[in-house]
Amino acid sequence: MVYRRQFVDDMEVVDVPVLGKNFSWFSHDGSAMSRLD
């Protein structure tokens, strides 16, 4: 677990907040929705 945290820190990965809609992708017929990062 420590190695994973070090990797994330080394890669300078950040969690970008998503504002607005609950889902960022919808299928053409609206039957599937997903929140893409």
N, C-alpha and C. Protein backbone atom coordinates (compact mmCIF):
# COMPACT_ATOMS: atom_id res chain seq x y z
N MET A 1 0.82 -1.19 0.00
CA MET A 1 0.00 0.00 0.00
C MET A 1 0.87 1.26 0.00
N VAL A 2 1.96 1.23 0.71
CA VAL A 2 2.86 2.38 0.76
C VAL A 2 3.43 2.66 -0.63
N TYR A 3 3.76 1.61 -1.38
CA TYR A 3 4.31 1.80 -2.72
C TYR A 3 3.30 2.46 -3.65
N ARG A 4 2.04 2.07 -3.52
CA ARG A 4 0.99 2.65 -4.35
C ARG A 4 0.86 4.15 -4.07
N ARG A 5 0.87 4.52 -2.81
CA ARG A 5 0.76 5.93 -2.44
C ARG A 5 1.97 6.71 -2.97
N GLN A 6 3.14 6.12 -2.88
CA GLN A 6 4.35 6.77 -3.38
C GLN A 6 4.27 6.97 -4.89
N PHE A 7 3.75 5.96 -5.60
CA PHE A 7 3.59 6.06 -7.05
C PHE A 7 2.65 7.22 -7.41
N VAL A 8 1.51 7.29 -6.73
CA VAL A 8 0.54 8.35 -6.98
C VAL A 8 1.18 9.71 -6.71
N ASP A 9 1.91 9.82 -5.62
CA ASP A 9 2.59 11.08 -5.31
C ASP A 9 3.64 11.42 -6.36
N ASP A 10 4.41 10.44 -6.79
CA ASP A 10 5.46 10.67 -7.79
C ASP A 10 4.88 11.11 -9.14
N MET A 11 3.73 10.57 -9.50
CA MET A 11 3.10 10.90 -10.78
C MET A 11 2.30 12.21 -10.71
N GLU A 12 2.21 12.77 -9.52
CA GLU A 12 1.48 14.02 -9.29
C GLU A 12 0.04 13.95 -9.77
N VAL A 13 -0.59 12.81 -9.50
CA VAL A 13 -1.99 12.59 -9.86
C VAL A 13 -2.87 13.41 -8.91
N VAL A 14 -3.86 14.07 -9.46
CA VAL A 14 -4.78 14.86 -8.64
C VAL A 14 -6.21 14.45 -8.94
N ASP A 15 -7.06 14.57 -7.96
CA ASP A 15 -8.49 14.29 -8.12
C ASP A 15 -9.16 15.58 -8.53
N VAL A 16 -9.65 15.62 -9.75
CA VAL A 16 -10.28 16.82 -10.28
C VAL A 16 -11.76 16.79 -9.92
N PRO A 17 -12.25 17.81 -9.23
CA PRO A 17 -13.67 17.82 -8.88
C PRO A 17 -14.54 17.99 -10.13
N VAL A 18 -15.65 17.28 -10.14
CA VAL A 18 -16.59 17.37 -11.25
C VAL A 18 -17.81 18.13 -10.76
N LEU A 19 -18.15 19.18 -11.46
CA LEU A 19 -19.29 20.01 -11.07
C LEU A 19 -20.42 19.82 -12.07
N GLY A 20 -21.62 19.96 -11.60
CA GLY A 20 -22.76 19.90 -12.51
C GLY A 20 -23.48 18.57 -12.50
N LYS A 21 -23.61 17.98 -13.67
CA LYS A 21 -24.41 16.77 -13.85
C LYS A 21 -23.84 15.57 -13.09
N ASN A 22 -24.74 14.63 -12.75
CA ASN A 22 -24.33 13.41 -12.07
C ASN A 22 -23.57 12.47 -12.98
N PHE A 23 -23.87 12.52 -14.28
CA PHE A 23 -23.23 11.64 -15.25
C PHE A 23 -22.59 12.46 -16.36
N SER A 24 -21.46 11.99 -16.87
CA SER A 24 -20.77 12.73 -17.93
C SER A 24 -20.87 12.02 -19.28
N TRP A 25 -21.48 10.84 -19.31
CA TRP A 25 -21.65 10.11 -20.57
C TRP A 25 -23.00 9.43 -20.56
N PHE A 26 -23.71 9.52 -21.69
CA PHE A 26 -25.01 8.87 -21.86
C PHE A 26 -24.99 8.10 -23.17
N SER A 27 -25.58 6.91 -23.19
CA SER A 27 -25.70 6.17 -24.45
C SER A 27 -26.70 6.89 -25.35
N HIS A 28 -26.67 6.58 -26.62
CA HIS A 28 -27.54 7.27 -27.58
C HIS A 28 -29.02 7.12 -27.26
N ASP A 29 -29.41 5.99 -26.66
CA ASP A 29 -30.83 5.80 -26.34
C ASP A 29 -31.15 6.09 -24.87
N GLY A 30 -30.15 6.52 -24.11
CA GLY A 30 -30.36 6.89 -22.71
C GLY A 30 -30.46 5.71 -21.75
N SER A 31 -30.17 4.49 -22.23
CA SER A 31 -30.30 3.32 -21.37
C SER A 31 -29.08 3.10 -20.47
N ALA A 32 -27.98 3.78 -20.77
CA ALA A 32 -26.77 3.63 -19.95
C ALA A 32 -26.19 5.01 -19.68
N MET A 33 -25.73 5.18 -18.44
CA MET A 33 -25.11 6.43 -18.03
C MET A 33 -23.87 6.11 -17.23
N SER A 34 -22.88 6.96 -17.31
CA SER A 34 -21.64 6.72 -16.58
C SER A 34 -20.99 8.05 -16.24
N ARG A 35 -20.23 8.02 -15.19
CA ARG A 35 -19.44 9.19 -14.83
C ARG A 35 -18.00 8.89 -15.19
N LEU A 36 -17.53 9.51 -16.27
CA LEU A 36 -16.18 9.28 -16.76
C LEU A 36 -15.23 10.26 -16.11
N ASP A 37 -14.07 9.77 -15.75
CA ASP A 37 -13.05 10.63 -15.13
C ASP A 37 -12.05 11.09 -16.16
